[in-house]
Amino acid sequence: MGDWKKFVAKILTNKKIQDVAIIGRTENKAVWASMPGGPLAAISPTEVGIIVGKDRNAFLHTTYLGGTKGSQI
């Protein structure tokens, strides 16, 4: 997971991006890496389940993750 932390750091060099989280989609459905102290570090297991679940298309517009409004790509 150390490589994911490096990837997060690289993404955050783009000043237009305020926060980022890498989550597991299959076996380890959790936040794998995120900006230290960022709101997305607080994504709950329930939110991860919604993001990677069958109904994730409802999540593609405006979302709230870790209490912060945003979008997912």
Protein backbone atom coordinates (compact mmCIF):
# COMPACT_ATOMS: atom_id res chain seq x y z
CA MET A 1 0.00 0.00 0.00
CA GLY A 2 3.03 2.23 0.17
CA ASP A 3 2.83 2.65 -3.59
CA TRP A 4 -0.73 3.94 -3.23
CA LYS A 5 0.49 6.60 -0.80
CA LYS A 6 3.04 7.73 -3.38
CA PHE A 7 0.28 7.81 -6.01
CA VAL A 8 -1.91 9.95 -3.72
CA ALA A 9 0.99 12.36 -3.15
CA LYS A 10 1.51 12.65 -6.92
CA ILE A 11 -2.19 13.35 -7.55
CA LEU A 12 -2.18 16.05 -4.89
CA THR A 13 0.56 17.97 -6.70
CA ASN A 14 -2.28 19.17 -8.96
CA LYS A 15 -3.51 22.14 -6.94
CA LYS A 16 -7.02 21.78 -8.44
CA ILE A 17 -7.46 18.54 -6.50
CA GLN A 18 -8.27 19.12 -2.85
CA ASP A 19 -8.44 15.56 -1.57
CA VAL A 20 -8.17 11.99 -2.85
CA ALA A 21 -8.80 8.47 -1.59
CA ILE A 22 -7.97 5.10 -3.08
CA ILE A 23 -10.45 2.43 -2.04
CA GLY A 24 -10.51 -1.33 -2.49
CA ARG A 25 -13.15 -2.63 -4.83
CA THR A 26 -13.04 -6.39 -4.31
CA GLU A 27 -11.68 -8.21 -1.27
CA ASN A 28 -10.47 -5.38 0.98
CA LYS A 29 -13.34 -2.88 0.71
CA ALA A 30 -11.76 -0.04 2.65
CA VAL A 31 -9.74 3.14 2.18
CA TRP A 32 -6.29 1.96 1.06
CA ALA A 33 -4.69 5.39 0.90
CA SER A 34 -5.79 9.00 1.23
CA MET A 35 -4.52 12.47 1.96
CA PRO A 36 -3.40 12.42 5.61
CA GLY A 37 -6.00 14.24 7.68
CA GLY A 38 -8.24 14.83 4.65
CA PRO A 39 -12.01 14.36 4.86
CA LEU A 40 -11.90 11.39 2.49
CA ALA A 41 -9.79 9.48 5.00
CA ALA A 42 -13.05 9.29 6.98
CA ILE A 43 -14.97 7.33 4.33
CA SER A 44 -16.93 4.72 6.27
CA PRO A 45 -17.20 1.04 5.38
CA THR A 46 -20.86 1.67 4.51
CA GLU A 47 -19.86 4.42 2.05
CA VAL A 48 -17.22 2.14 0.50
CA GLY A 49 -19.92 -0.50 0.04
CA ILE A 50 -22.12 2.01 -1.79
CA ILE A 51 -19.28 3.23 -4.00
CA VAL A 52 -18.32 -0.26 -5.14
CA GLY A 53 -21.81 -1.77 -5.02
CA LYS A 54 -24.30 -2.49 -7.78
CA ASP A 55 -26.08 0.85 -7.29
CA ARG A 56 -22.93 2.98 -7.60
CA ASN A 57 -24.33 4.84 -10.65
CA ALA A 58 -26.53 6.82 -8.27
CA PHE A 59 -23.29 7.98 -6.68
CA LEU A 60 -21.73 9.41 -9.85
CA HIS A 61 -23.23 12.87 -9.51
CA THR A 62 -23.12 14.81 -6.24
CA THR A 63 -21.98 12.72 -3.32
CA TYR A 64 -21.09 13.13 0.31
CA LEU A 65 -18.12 11.11 1.53
CA GLY A 66 -16.65 11.47 4.95
CA GLY A 67 -19.06 14.36 5.43
CA THR A 68 -17.67 16.29 2.44
CA LYS A 69 -19.51 17.08 -0.79
CA GLY A 70 -17.68 15.94 -3.92
CA SER A 71 -17.72 13.69 -6.95
CA GLN A 72 -16.13 10.42 -7.91
CA ILE A 73 -14.38 9.40 -11.08
